[in-house]
Protein backbone atom coordinates (compact mmCIF):
# COMPACT_ATOMS: atom_id res chain seq x y z
CA MET A 1 101.96 67.39 95.48
CA LYS A 2 98.46 67.31 93.95
CA GLU A 3 99.95 67.67 90.47
CA ASN A 4 102.23 64.69 91.05
CA THR A 5 99.27 62.61 92.27
CA LYS A 6 97.27 63.46 89.14
CA ILE A 7 100.19 62.49 86.90
CA LYS A 8 100.67 59.18 88.71
CA THR A 9 96.94 58.36 88.49
CA LYS A 10 96.85 59.16 84.78
CA ASN A 11 100.01 57.13 84.11
CA ASN A 12 98.63 54.11 86.01
CA SER A 13 95.44 54.19 83.93
CA GLU A 14 97.39 54.43 80.69
CA ASN A 15 99.75 51.67 81.79
CA GLN A 16 96.84 49.29 82.36
CA LEU A 17 95.46 50.03 78.89
CA VAL A 18 98.84 49.59 77.21
CA ILE A 19 99.57 46.34 79.04
CA THR A 20 96.18 45.00 77.99
CA LEU A 21 96.87 45.86 74.34
CA ILE A 22 100.35 44.30 74.42
CA VAL A 23 99.06 41.11 76.01
CA ALA A 24 96.23 40.89 73.49
CA GLY A 25 98.61 41.53 70.60
CA ALA A 26 101.11 38.96 71.82
CA LEU A 27 98.41 36.33 72.28
CA LEU A 28 97.14 36.93 68.76
CA MET A 29 100.65 36.71 67.32
CA PHE A 30 101.50 33.45 69.07
CA ALA A 31 98.08 31.98 68.42
CA THR A 32 98.37 32.50 64.67
CA PRO A 33 100.29 29.23 63.98
CA TRP A 34 97.73 27.30 65.98
CA ILE A 35 94.94 28.96 64.01
CA PHE A 36 96.56 27.87 60.77
CA SER A 37 97.05 24.35 62.12
CA ILE A 38 93.33 23.86 62.50
CA MET A 39 92.47 25.53 59.24
CA SER A 40 92.24 23.57 56.01
CA VAL A 41 95.37 24.00 53.93
CA ASN A 42 93.74 22.80 50.74
CA ASP A 43 93.31 26.40 49.72
CA PHE A 44 97.06 26.97 49.90
CA LYS A 45 99.23 25.87 46.99
CA ASN A 46 102.46 25.63 48.91
CA VAL A 47 104.20 26.40 52.16
CA GLY A 48 105.23 29.82 50.89
CA GLN A 49 101.65 30.78 50.70
CA VAL A 50 101.14 29.62 54.29
CA GLY A 51 104.13 31.71 55.44
CA SER A 52 102.93 34.68 53.48
CA ALA A 53 99.46 34.37 55.01
CA PHE A 54 100.98 34.01 58.48
CA TRP A 55 103.07 37.14 58.02
CA ASP A 56 100.09 39.04 56.68
CA VAL A 57 98.38 38.35 59.98
CA ALA A 58 101.40 38.67 62.30
CA ALA A 59 103.00 41.78 60.74
CA PRO A 60 100.22 44.22 61.70
CA ILE A 61 100.22 42.82 65.22
CA ALA A 62 103.99 43.26 65.50
CA GLN A 63 103.70 46.78 64.14
CA LEU A 64 100.98 47.52 66.71
CA VAL A 65 103.23 46.30 69.51
CA SER A 66 106.10 48.45 68.17
CA ILE A 67 103.87 51.52 68.02
CA ILE A 68 102.67 50.89 71.57
CA LEU A 69 106.24 50.51 72.84
CA LEU A 70 107.25 53.71 71.02
CA TYR A 71 104.30 55.49 72.59
CA LEU A 72 105.33 54.24 76.03
CA ALA A 73 108.89 55.50 75.51
CA LEU A 74 107.69 58.92 74.37
CA ARG A 75 105.21 59.16 77.21
CA GLU A 76 107.84 58.30 79.80
CA ARG A 77 110.10 60.94 78.30
CA ARG A 78 107.31 63.49 78.51
CA THR A 79 106.58 62.53 82.12
CA ALA A 80 110.27 62.85 82.99
CA ASN A 81 110.40 66.29 81.34
CA ASN A 82 107.32 67.38 83.31
CA ILE A 83 108.88 66.23 86.58
CA VAL A 84 112.11 68.09 85.79
CA GLN A 85 110.15 71.23 84.91
CA MET A 86 108.17 71.04 88.15
CA GLN A 87 111.42 70.67 90.08
CA VAL A 88 112.87 73.70 88.29
CA ASP A 89 109.71 75.73 89.00
CA ALA A 90 109.73 74.68 92.67
CA LYS A 91 113.39 75.62 93.03
CA SER A 92 112.78 78.97 91.33
CA ARG A 93 109.84 79.71 93.66
CA ARG A 94 111.92 78.78 96.72
CA GLU A 95 114.65 81.16 95.58
CA ILE A 96 112.11 83.95 95.11
CA GLN A 97 110.68 83.29 98.57
CA GLU A 98 114.16 83.29 100.12
CA ARG A 99 114.97 86.62 98.46
CA SER A 100 111.65 88.08 99.64
CA VAL A 101 112.25 86.97 103.23
CA LYS A 102 115.81 88.32 103.10
CA HIS A 103 114.53 91.66 101.79
CA LEU A 104 111.93 91.87 104.55
CA HIS A 105 114.59 91.09 107.14
CA GLU A 106 116.82 93.86 105.79
CA LEU A 107 113.93 96.35 105.87
CA TYR A 108 113.05 95.34 109.42
CA THR A 109 116.69 95.76 110.45
CA LEU A 110 116.61 99.23 108.89
CA LEU A 111 113.52 100.05 110.97
CA GLU A 112 115.17 98.77 114.16
CA ASN A 113 118.31 100.81 113.47
CA ASN A 114 116.31 103.98 112.88
CA ILE A 115 114.47 103.48 116.16
CA SER A 116 117.69 102.65 118.05
CA ASN A 117 119.49 105.69 116.60
CA PHE A 118 116.75 108.14 117.57
CA SER A 119 118.22 110.49 120.16
CA TYR A 120 116.71 113.19 122.35
CA GLU A 121 118.22 115.52 124.92
CA SER A 122 115.94 115.53 127.95
CA LYS A 123 116.20 117.59 131.12
CA PHE A 124 115.28 115.75 134.32
CA ASP A 125 113.90 117.78 137.20
CA THR A 126 115.64 115.64 139.81
CA ASP A 127 119.15 116.82 138.99
CA SER A 128 118.51 119.47 136.27
CA LYS A 129 121.03 117.77 134.05
CA ILE A 130 120.64 117.25 130.34
CA LYS A 131 120.73 113.62 129.41
CA VAL A 132 120.89 112.19 125.91
CA LEU A 133 118.37 109.40 125.51
CA GLN A 134 118.46 106.81 122.77
CA GLY A 135 115.96 104.53 121.09
CA LYS A 136 112.47 103.78 122.31
CA ARG A 137 112.84 105.74 125.54
CA ALA A 138 114.00 108.81 123.61
CA ILE A 139 110.93 108.62 121.35
CA ARG A 140 108.59 108.31 124.33
CA CYS A 141 110.16 111.27 126.12
CA PHE A 142 110.16 113.37 122.95
CA ILE A 143 106.43 112.75 122.46
CA ASN A 144 105.74 113.55 126.11
CA ASP A 145 107.72 116.82 125.94
CA ILE A 146 106.56 118.05 122.55
CA GLU A 147 103.67 120.01 124.05
CA GLU A 148 106.18 122.05 126.07
CA MET A 149 108.16 123.12 122.98
CA ASN A 150 105.90 126.08 122.21
CA ILE A 151 104.81 124.46 118.95
CA ASP A 152 101.21 124.25 117.84
CA LEU A 153 100.56 120.52 117.49
CA HIS A 154 98.23 121.26 114.58
CA ASP A 155 100.74 123.40 112.64
CA ASN A 156 102.37 120.87 110.33
CA ASP A 157 104.82 123.37 108.87
CA LEU A 158 106.30 124.20 112.26
CA LEU A 159 106.27 120.54 113.32
CA LEU A 160 108.23 119.47 110.25
CA GLN A 161 110.99 121.87 111.23
CA LYS A 162 111.66 119.75 114.32
CA ASP A 163 114.23 117.04 113.72
CA GLY A 164 112.51 114.60 116.06
CA VAL A 165 109.21 114.89 114.22
CA ARG A 166 110.86 114.30 110.86
CA GLU A 167 112.70 111.27 112.21
CA ILE A 168 109.53 109.73 113.66
CA LEU A 169 107.68 110.28 110.38
CA SER A 170 110.58 108.64 108.56
CA ILE A 171 110.29 105.61 110.85
CA LEU A 172 106.56 105.42 110.18
CA ARG A 173 107.13 105.62 106.42
CA ILE A 174 109.61 102.74 106.63
CA ALA A 175 107.01 100.77 108.59
CA GLU A 176 104.37 101.50 105.92
CA HIS A 177 106.77 100.29 103.24
CA ILE A 178 107.45 97.08 105.14
CA PHE A 179 103.73 96.37 105.54
CA GLU A 180 103.21 96.83 101.81
CA LYS A 181 106.12 94.48 101.06
CA ILE A 182 104.70 91.86 103.43
CA LYS A 183 101.36 92.05 101.62
CA GLU A 184 102.94 91.74 98.15
CA ALA A 185 105.57 89.13 99.02
CA ASP A 186 105.15 85.63 97.58
CA ILE A 187 106.08 83.86 100.80
CA GLU A 188 104.52 81.35 103.17
CA GLU A 189 101.60 82.58 105.26
CA ALA A 190 103.52 81.72 108.43
CA ASP A 191 106.35 84.07 107.39
CA LYS A 192 103.86 86.86 106.67
CA ASN A 193 102.24 86.45 110.08
CA PHE A 194 105.66 86.40 111.75
CA TYR A 195 106.67 89.76 110.28
CA LEU A 196 103.24 91.27 110.90
CA ASN A 197 103.48 90.30 114.57
CA ILE A 198 107.01 91.60 115.11
CA MET A 199 106.10 94.84 113.31
CA LYS A 200 103.10 95.29 115.58
CA HIS A 201 105.27 94.60 118.63
CA GLU A 202 108.02 96.98 117.52
CA LEU A 203 105.66 99.87 116.78
CA THR A 204 103.52 99.35 119.86
CA PHE A 205 106.48 99.41 122.26
CA SER A 206 108.43 102.18 120.54
CA ILE A 207 106.15 104.84 119.04
CA PHE A 208 102.48 104.05 119.55
CA PRO A 209 100.59 105.52 122.56
CA TYR A 210 100.58 103.75 125.90
CA THR A 211 96.87 103.07 125.33
CA ASP A 212 97.85 100.43 122.77
CA LEU A 213 100.01 98.49 125.22
CA ASP A 214 96.96 96.88 126.83
CA GLU A 215 94.00 96.84 124.47
CA SER A 216 91.88 94.93 126.98
CA ALA A 217 92.02 97.90 129.37
CA ASN A 218 90.23 100.04 126.76
CA LEU A 219 92.38 103.07 127.58
CA LYS A 220 91.74 106.29 125.67
CA LEU A 221 93.91 109.28 124.86
CA GLU A 222 92.74 112.72 125.89
CA ILE A 223 90.44 114.54 123.49
CA CYS A 224 92.00 117.67 122.03
CA GLU A 225 90.02 120.82 122.86
CA GLU A 226 91.03 122.43 119.58
CA CYS A 227 90.12 119.70 117.08
CA ASN A 228 87.98 117.48 119.31
CA GLU A 229 90.02 114.40 118.30
CA PRO A 230 91.49 111.88 120.81
CA HIS A 231 95.16 112.28 119.86
CA GLY A 232 96.41 113.23 123.35
CA ASN A 233 99.84 114.84 123.22
CA TYR A 234 100.60 113.32 119.81
CA PRO A 235 100.65 115.79 116.93
CA PRO A 236 97.83 114.87 114.50
CA LEU A 237 100.45 114.62 111.76
CA ILE A 238 102.02 111.65 113.60
CA PHE A 239 98.85 110.30 115.19
CA ASP A 240 96.95 110.01 111.88
CA LYS A 241 99.88 108.15 110.33
CA MET A 242 99.90 105.67 113.21
CA GLN A 243 96.17 105.04 112.79
CA GLN A 244 96.76 104.28 109.11
CA LEU A 245 99.41 101.73 110.03
CA LYS A 246 97.05 99.88 112.36
CA ARG A 247 95.04 98.57 109.41
CA HIS A 248 98.00 96.34 108.60
CA PHE A 249 98.06 94.69 112.02
CA LEU A 250 95.57 92.01 110.99
CA ALA A 251 96.51 89.76 108.09
CA ASP A 252 94.01 89.66 105.22
């Protein structure tokens, strides 16, 4: 928009100059016969000399007008080419933005599917039956029960042998990849903020600790007696990754 305004302003200025030159040239050309009418013709031997003198004066003016008109035609052609190029560039940028948004949507769908497909067999004390949980609830229950699996939360090698841990880490890696793509994408700021917000919502209500559900309450996880870090019942391997993701929650 600003580029178009600059072009229009420049063209208007040039148009005024060209019109002034054309008017001046035309006035000089048509005034030539009158000039000769008031001049003494005693110096001219015949009418041919008068015509030749007239043409000597009028020809350069006519040539000037022709050059100006040629310049106008070339300038208009250049302006038209610039407008076409800007339209092509704008269309190309829109296509790039559309592809970027589509890619982000596909990645977010992949994240949602991975969360929805997470399953965990949980035993409820009320009826002692094994129930297969899916999605966000399964992740929450898995995190709550992981301390009872006789696994040292600080032993990454043992943790990585658990399918649930590997799946959660995979989800967090996908989330990290999406955040990086949002940052790099050449899209509108409103689109970036939209995906940042839905990513924050999705992670907060599916994997992140309950303490993040209400930040105003200033809730804290329990401090681990072994490492003295407030990771609660989350294995540090998962908890540290979640803390790294939080830096993406606020747009730059």
